[in-house]
Protein backbone atom coordinates (compact mmCIF):
# COMPACT_ATOMS: atom_id res chain seq x y z
CA MET A 1 -24.08 -77.94 -172.95
CA PRO A 2 -25.30 -81.25 -174.45
CA PRO A 3 -27.36 -81.09 -177.67
CA ARG A 4 -31.09 -80.64 -177.12
CA PRO A 5 -33.64 -83.23 -178.28
CA GLU A 6 -35.95 -81.99 -181.01
CA ASP A 7 -38.80 -81.25 -178.58
CA GLU A 8 -36.64 -78.77 -176.68
CA ILE A 9 -35.17 -76.80 -179.60
CA PRO A 10 -36.49 -73.21 -179.50
CA LEU A 11 -38.64 -72.29 -182.51
CA PRO A 12 -40.41 -69.15 -183.78
CA SER A 13 -43.86 -68.80 -182.24
CA ALA A 14 -45.58 -69.58 -185.58
CA LEU A 15 -43.89 -73.01 -185.69
CA ALA A 16 -44.04 -73.90 -182.01
CA PRO A 17 -47.49 -75.62 -182.11
CA MET A 18 -46.52 -77.86 -185.05
CA ARG A 19 -45.48 -81.47 -184.67
CA ARG A 20 -41.72 -81.97 -184.76
CA PHE A 21 -39.82 -84.61 -186.72
CA ALA A 22 -36.05 -85.13 -186.63
CA LEU A 23 -34.39 -85.30 -190.02
CA ASP A 24 -30.69 -85.98 -190.51
CA GLY A 25 -29.20 -82.66 -189.40
CA ALA A 26 -32.47 -80.72 -189.51
CA LEU A 27 -35.83 -80.35 -187.80
CA LEU A 28 -39.07 -80.65 -189.74
CA CYS A 29 -42.22 -78.97 -188.37
CA PHE A 30 -45.56 -80.24 -189.67
CA ASP A 31 -49.22 -79.24 -189.39
CA ARG A 32 -51.37 -82.26 -190.13
CA ARG A 33 -54.51 -80.25 -190.90
CA THR A 34 -53.07 -77.88 -193.50
CA GLY A 35 -50.09 -79.90 -194.71
CA LEU A 36 -47.84 -76.92 -193.94
CA THR A 37 -44.23 -78.06 -193.60
CA ALA A 38 -41.22 -76.05 -192.46
CA VAL A 39 -37.62 -77.25 -192.23
CA CYS A 40 -35.32 -75.63 -189.65
CA GLU A 41 -31.61 -76.14 -190.13
CA GLY A 42 -28.62 -74.78 -188.23
CA PRO A 43 -26.12 -75.53 -185.49
CA GLU A 44 -29.01 -76.34 -183.12
CA THR A 45 -30.20 -79.18 -185.36
CA ALA A 46 -26.92 -80.60 -186.67
CA HIS A 47 -26.98 -83.50 -184.19
CA LEU A 48 -30.49 -84.71 -185.08
CA ARG A 49 -31.04 -88.00 -186.87
CA MET A 50 -34.16 -89.67 -188.25
CA ARG A 51 -35.62 -92.41 -186.05
CA ALA A 52 -38.50 -93.47 -188.31
CA PRO A 53 -39.83 -92.86 -191.83
CA ARG A 54 -41.65 -89.57 -192.18
CA VAL A 55 -44.46 -91.07 -194.31
CA VAL A 56 -45.94 -94.54 -194.70
CA GLN A 57 -47.63 -95.15 -198.04
CA PHE A 58 -50.18 -97.87 -197.30
CA SER A 59 -51.34 -99.88 -200.32
CA ILE A 60 -54.13 -101.34 -198.23
CA THR A 61 -55.67 -103.37 -201.07
CA ASN A 62 -54.87 -104.47 -204.61
CA ALA A 63 -58.57 -104.65 -205.43
CA CYS A 64 -59.87 -102.01 -207.82
CA ASN A 65 -63.04 -101.31 -209.76
CA LEU A 66 -61.04 -100.22 -212.84
CA SER A 67 -58.75 -102.18 -215.16
CA CYS A 68 -56.06 -99.77 -216.33
CA THR A 69 -53.75 -101.23 -218.99
CA PHE A 70 -50.58 -99.87 -217.34
CA CYS A 71 -51.36 -101.37 -213.91
CA SER A 72 -49.48 -104.54 -212.96
CA ARG A 73 -51.39 -105.32 -209.73
CA ASP A 74 -53.43 -108.46 -209.23
CA VAL A 75 -56.77 -106.74 -208.66
CA ALA A 76 -58.39 -110.05 -207.68
CA ALA A 77 -55.99 -110.56 -204.75
CA ARG A 78 -57.55 -110.14 -201.31
CA SER A 79 -55.92 -107.80 -198.81
CA ALA A 80 -54.15 -109.53 -195.95
CA TRP A 81 -55.16 -106.65 -193.64
CA THR A 82 -58.29 -106.08 -191.61
CA ALA A 83 -59.23 -102.55 -190.61
CA ASP A 84 -58.37 -103.31 -186.97
CA GLU A 85 -54.95 -104.71 -187.88
CA ALA A 86 -54.19 -101.69 -190.06
CA PHE A 87 -55.17 -99.36 -187.23
CA VAL A 88 -52.87 -101.09 -184.72
CA LEU A 89 -49.93 -100.97 -187.13
CA LEU A 90 -50.44 -97.26 -187.87
CA ARG A 91 -51.14 -96.32 -184.25
CA ASP A 92 -47.83 -97.88 -183.24
CA LEU A 93 -45.99 -96.17 -186.11
CA ASP A 94 -47.49 -92.87 -184.98
CA ARG A 95 -46.08 -93.50 -181.50
CA ALA A 96 -42.67 -94.20 -183.10
CA GLY A 97 -42.75 -90.77 -184.75
CA VAL A 98 -44.22 -91.30 -188.23
CA LEU A 99 -46.09 -88.16 -189.34
CA GLU A 100 -48.31 -89.24 -192.22
CA VAL A 101 -50.10 -92.19 -193.74
CA ALA A 102 -51.02 -91.97 -197.42
CA PHE A 103 -53.50 -94.66 -198.45
CA GLY A 104 -53.53 -96.08 -201.95
CA GLY A 105 -54.14 -99.39 -203.61
CA GLY A 106 -55.62 -100.66 -205.76
CA GLU A 107 -58.58 -98.49 -204.85
CA PRO A 108 -58.72 -97.81 -201.10
CA LEU A 109 -62.44 -96.98 -201.17
CA VAL A 110 -63.27 -100.61 -201.99
CA PHE A 111 -61.54 -101.75 -198.77
CA LYS A 112 -64.12 -102.85 -196.19
CA GLY A 113 -64.36 -100.37 -193.32
CA PHE A 114 -62.07 -97.80 -194.92
CA ALA A 115 -64.01 -94.66 -193.94
CA ALA A 116 -64.28 -95.86 -190.33
CA LEU A 117 -60.54 -96.60 -190.29
CA VAL A 118 -59.75 -93.09 -191.50
CA ARG A 119 -62.01 -91.56 -188.84
CA ARG A 120 -60.43 -93.65 -186.10
CA LEU A 121 -56.89 -92.73 -187.16
CA ASP A 122 -57.80 -89.06 -187.16
CA LEU A 123 -59.42 -89.15 -183.72
CA GLU A 124 -57.06 -91.54 -181.94
CA THR A 125 -53.60 -90.76 -183.42
CA ARG A 126 -51.57 -87.72 -184.45
CA LEU A 127 -51.15 -88.98 -188.02
CA SER A 128 -52.08 -86.88 -191.01
CA VAL A 129 -54.25 -89.11 -193.20
CA SER A 130 -54.51 -88.79 -196.98
CA LEU A 131 -55.65 -91.05 -199.78
CA THR A 132 -55.26 -91.48 -203.51
CA THR A 133 -58.37 -92.66 -205.34
CA ASN A 134 -59.69 -93.04 -208.87
CA GLY A 135 -62.70 -91.05 -207.64
CA THR A 136 -65.42 -93.31 -209.00
CA ARG A 137 -66.75 -93.91 -205.47
CA LEU A 138 -66.48 -90.31 -204.31
CA ASP A 139 -70.15 -89.40 -204.06
CA ASP A 140 -71.24 -86.52 -201.81
CA ALA A 141 -71.91 -88.81 -198.83
CA THR A 142 -68.48 -90.44 -199.02
CA ILE A 143 -66.72 -87.07 -199.33
CA ALA A 144 -68.70 -85.73 -196.36
CA ALA A 145 -67.68 -88.76 -194.27
CA LEU A 146 -64.00 -88.42 -195.18
CA ALA A 147 -63.55 -84.65 -195.29
CA PRO A 148 -63.31 -83.92 -191.52
CA HIS A 149 -60.69 -86.63 -191.07
CA VAL A 150 -58.28 -86.35 -194.01
CA GLY A 151 -55.55 -83.87 -194.74
CA GLN A 152 -55.98 -84.33 -198.47
CA ILE A 153 -57.73 -86.42 -201.12
CA ARG A 154 -55.70 -87.01 -204.27
CA LEU A 155 -57.56 -87.91 -207.46
CA SER A 156 -55.78 -90.06 -210.05
CA VAL A 157 -57.22 -88.94 -213.38
CA TYR A 158 -57.75 -91.58 -216.05
CA ASP A 159 -58.98 -91.10 -219.61
CA ASP A 160 -62.07 -93.28 -219.20
CA VAL A 161 -63.37 -91.62 -216.00
CA ASP A 162 -65.45 -88.43 -215.85
CA HIS A 163 -63.06 -86.53 -213.60
CA GLN A 164 -64.70 -83.14 -214.13
CA SER A 165 -67.83 -83.95 -212.12
CA ILE A 166 -65.69 -85.52 -209.37
CA LEU A 167 -63.47 -82.43 -209.16
CA LEU A 168 -66.48 -80.12 -208.95
CA ARG A 169 -67.84 -82.27 -206.12
CA LEU A 170 -64.52 -82.04 -204.27
CA ALA A 171 -64.26 -78.30 -204.80
CA ARG A 172 -67.79 -77.75 -203.42
CA SER A 173 -66.99 -79.82 -200.33
CA GLY A 174 -64.12 -77.61 -199.21
CA VAL A 175 -61.80 -80.60 -198.62
CA ARG A 176 -58.16 -80.12 -199.60
CA PHE A 177 -57.54 -82.08 -202.80
CA GLY A 178 -55.10 -82.54 -205.65
CA VAL A 179 -54.72 -84.41 -208.92
CA ASN A 180 -52.20 -87.04 -210.04
CA TRP A 181 -51.72 -87.40 -213.79
CA LEU A 182 -49.49 -89.89 -215.57
CA VAL A 183 -47.57 -88.21 -218.41
CA THR A 184 -47.10 -90.48 -221.44
CA PRO A 185 -46.10 -89.68 -225.03
CA ALA A 186 -49.77 -89.78 -226.08
CA ARG A 187 -50.82 -87.39 -223.30
CA LEU A 188 -47.95 -84.93 -223.56
CA PRO A 189 -49.38 -82.73 -226.37
CA GLY A 190 -52.51 -82.02 -224.29
CA LEU A 191 -50.68 -81.28 -221.03
CA ALA A 192 -51.04 -77.49 -220.97
CA ALA A 193 -54.75 -77.53 -221.82
CA PHE A 194 -55.38 -80.29 -219.28
CA VAL A 195 -53.65 -78.40 -216.46
CA LEU A 196 -55.48 -75.16 -217.23
CA ASP A 197 -58.81 -77.02 -217.25
CA LEU A 198 -57.99 -78.50 -213.83
CA VAL A 199 -57.31 -75.05 -212.42
CA GLU A 200 -60.62 -73.77 -213.78
CA LEU A 201 -62.35 -76.68 -212.03
CA GLY A 202 -60.87 -75.59 -208.71
CA CYS A 203 -57.79 -77.82 -208.46
CA ARG A 204 -54.82 -76.08 -206.82
CA ASP A 205 -52.37 -79.00 -206.58
CA ILE A 206 -51.29 -80.98 -209.66
CA LEU A 207 -48.66 -83.74 -209.64
CA LEU A 208 -47.24 -85.01 -212.94
CA LEU A 209 -46.19 -88.66 -212.68
CA SER A 210 -43.67 -90.55 -214.76
CA TYR A 211 -44.33 -94.09 -215.88
CA ASN A 212 -42.34 -96.85 -214.18
CA GLY A 213 -42.61 -100.22 -215.85
CA PRO A 214 -41.64 -102.48 -218.75
CA ASP A 215 -43.78 -100.89 -221.51
CA HIS A 216 -41.32 -98.64 -223.33
CA ALA A 217 -44.14 -97.08 -225.34
CA LEU A 218 -45.27 -95.30 -222.16
CA HIS A 219 -41.86 -93.76 -221.40
CA LEU A 220 -40.93 -90.33 -222.75
CA ASP A 221 -37.90 -90.21 -225.02
CA PRO A 222 -35.28 -87.44 -224.43
CA ALA A 223 -36.97 -84.98 -226.80
CA GLU A 224 -40.37 -85.55 -225.18
CA ALA A 225 -38.85 -85.19 -221.70
CA SER A 226 -37.31 -81.89 -222.79
CA GLU A 227 -40.69 -80.69 -224.04
CA LEU A 228 -42.31 -81.69 -220.75
CA ALA A 229 -39.68 -79.69 -218.85
CA ARG A 230 -40.32 -76.66 -221.05
CA VAL A 231 -44.11 -76.81 -220.67
CA ALA A 232 -43.90 -77.44 -216.93
CA ARG A 233 -41.64 -74.44 -216.46
CA VAL A 234 -43.91 -72.14 -218.43
CA LEU A 235 -47.02 -73.41 -216.63
CA GLY A 236 -45.32 -73.06 -213.27
CA ARG A 237 -44.63 -69.41 -213.95
CA GLY A 238 -48.08 -68.72 -215.34
CA LEU A 239 -49.92 -70.43 -212.48
CA ALA A 240 -47.89 -68.85 -209.68
CA GLY A 241 -50.30 -67.85 -206.92
CA ARG A 242 -53.19 -69.84 -208.43
CA ALA A 243 -52.02 -73.45 -208.36
CA THR A 244 -48.96 -75.57 -207.66
CA LEU A 245 -47.55 -77.78 -210.40
CA LYS A 246 -45.32 -80.58 -209.10
CA LEU A 247 -43.13 -83.20 -210.75
CA ASP A 248 -42.72 -86.75 -209.47
CA VAL A 249 -39.24 -87.40 -208.03
CA CYS A 250 -38.88 -90.29 -210.51
CA TRP A 251 -38.28 -87.75 -213.31
CA GLY A 252 -34.86 -87.18 -211.73
CA GLU A 253 -32.33 -85.20 -213.77
CA ARG A 254 -34.54 -85.29 -216.86
CA MET A 255 -36.34 -82.26 -215.40
CA ALA A 256 -33.21 -80.17 -214.73
CA ALA A 257 -34.86 -77.23 -216.52
CA VAL A 258 -37.57 -76.99 -213.87
CA PRO A 259 -36.86 -75.11 -210.60
CA ARG A 260 -36.80 -77.36 -207.52
CA LEU A 261 -37.85 -76.41 -204.02
CA PHE A 262 -35.09 -78.45 -202.37
CA GLY A 263 -32.57 -78.66 -205.20
CA GLY A 264 -31.30 -82.00 -206.50
CA ARG A 265 -32.21 -84.16 -203.51
CA PRO A 266 -31.73 -87.91 -203.87
CA CYS A 267 -34.80 -90.14 -204.12
CA PRO A 268 -36.30 -90.40 -200.59
CA ALA A 269 -37.87 -93.85 -201.15
CA GLY A 270 -36.93 -96.28 -198.40
CA ARG A 271 -35.67 -93.50 -196.15
CA GLU A 272 -38.19 -90.66 -195.77
CA PHE A 273 -41.03 -92.90 -196.83
CA VAL A 274 -41.72 -96.62 -197.19
CA VAL A 275 -44.59 -98.58 -198.70
CA VAL A 276 -46.63 -101.12 -196.76
CA THR A 277 -48.32 -103.48 -199.21
CA SER A 278 -51.64 -105.29 -199.06
CA GLU A 279 -49.66 -108.55 -198.66
CA LYS A 280 -48.13 -107.32 -195.34
CA GLN A 281 -44.76 -106.45 -196.81
CA VAL A 282 -42.50 -103.39 -196.80
CA SER A 283 -41.03 -101.93 -199.98
CA PRO A 284 -39.08 -98.75 -200.81
CA CYS A 285 -41.77 -97.58 -203.23
CA SER A 286 -44.79 -98.82 -205.16
CA PHE A 287 -42.67 -99.72 -208.21
CA HIS A 288 -39.84 -101.54 -206.45
CA HIS A 289 -39.20 -105.26 -206.76
CA LEU A 290 -37.96 -105.67 -203.16
CA ARG A 291 -40.40 -106.87 -200.51
CA PHE A 292 -39.75 -107.60 -196.83
CA PRO A 293 -42.38 -109.31 -194.61
CA ALA A 294 -43.86 -106.96 -192.00
CA GLU A 295 -47.00 -107.41 -189.89
CA THR A 296 -46.28 -104.98 -187.04
CA ALA A 297 -44.82 -101.53 -186.54
CA GLU A 298 -41.75 -103.18 -185.01
CA ASP A 299 -41.32 -105.19 -188.22
CA VAL A 300 -41.59 -102.06 -190.37
CA LEU A 301 -39.05 -100.15 -188.28
CA ARG A 302 -36.67 -103.11 -188.16
CA VAL A 303 -36.70 -103.34 -191.97
CA TRP A 304 -36.23 -99.57 -192.23
CA GLU A 305 -33.23 -99.67 -189.88
CA THR A 306 -31.49 -102.89 -190.96
CA GLN A 307 -32.16 -102.93 -194.71
CA ALA A 308 -31.16 -99.34 -195.51
CA ALA A 309 -28.78 -100.34 -198.31
CA ALA A 310 -31.34 -102.59 -199.98
CA LEU A 311 -34.06 -99.95 -199.66
CA ALA A 312 -31.76 -97.45 -201.38
CA ALA A 313 -31.15 -99.75 -204.38
CA PRO A 314 -32.65 -99.04 -207.82
CA ALA A 315 -35.85 -100.74 -208.92
CA HIS A 316 -35.56 -103.34 -211.69
CA ASP A 317 -38.26 -101.88 -213.93
CA PRO A 318 -37.31 -99.06 -216.32
CA GLY A 319 -38.11 -95.54 -215.13
CA CYS A 320 -36.32 -95.52 -211.77
CA ALA A 321 -34.27 -92.33 -211.27
CA ARG A 322 -31.69 -94.35 -209.32
CA THR A 323 -30.79 -96.41 -212.40
CA PRO A 324 -28.21 -95.10 -214.91
CA GLY A 325 -30.18 -93.97 -217.92
CA TYR A 326 -33.38 -94.66 -215.93
CA GLY A 327 -33.21 -98.21 -217.28
CA LEU A 328 -34.06 -96.88 -220.74
CA ASP A 329 -32.00 -96.95 -223.94
CA GLY A 330 -29.18 -94.44 -224.12
CA ALA A 331 -27.24 -92.56 -221.46
CA PRO A 332 -28.87 -90.15 -219.02
CA ARG A 333 -28.83 -86.54 -220.16
CA ARG A 334 -29.05 -83.34 -218.18
CA LEU A 335 -31.45 -81.28 -220.25
CA PRO A 336 -30.55 -77.69 -221.07
CA MET A 337 -32.34 -74.76 -219.43
CA THR A 338 -35.18 -73.68 -221.68
CA GLY A 339 -37.35 -70.61 -221.46
């Protein structure tokens, strides 16, 4: 009997209504409303291969109403996209099998017609739509307009923004939301208190980001990385059932002390997800130096298929987990298990 395509593989009844996505040797089932993901793997799925990226991260604009010192974007640059052009690109990627679009920037809420674009994608495609925002434009009316049409809103928390009032607003709205927080040497001592405060404010999804860039003062040294691993492990245990604490894949083997859901998987940038930039280019991730021109879904898929080796290459800036020693001084170290 010839192998079955992914749409014909029998699944448990609880997974049957979910959208299916072929991975290499496995079948991913996805619910765009809840974000629930299940991976099925066995002899029935061994023949499957990916035919498109699972996620497109769309940096739809470089413009932003903040001026963070660690950001290297040209915030004065105009986006090359219109809302209609972005919709056509994403509609066609949906038809090719892409499951999710995650909008970022810059600040996506300063992009003209953004809320209408999100609504249209929700109503006219099968894509799960999410966005990452600094939150300064998330008033009650904006949240109400976005909430029915997004799978999740992620709030990037910065020191000079009143994130507490924004989080309370999100919690009251009932929309699914999470927090991104950049861990630097200066922030590390306050990590545990910060995470516990977020949970008290109603946040149930916290992602700890590593810095990628040329400023070595923002990178953790080995001792600081070990302390982060220890604190993250303790917090993960203590928050079990109340909130999920996640670590950015860019931490790589520096976080060996922290349990991983899928073990030591390689960085998925350029394979499971790609970035579409505001300049109509494709890149493996937001921090990568490589850029390939792409104005249509066909362009994006052609780059994904033909430039696989380039998309799997390390980024030039320090911090990339694909680079020996993460591009920092000294050799990479697997940190010991700590309790």
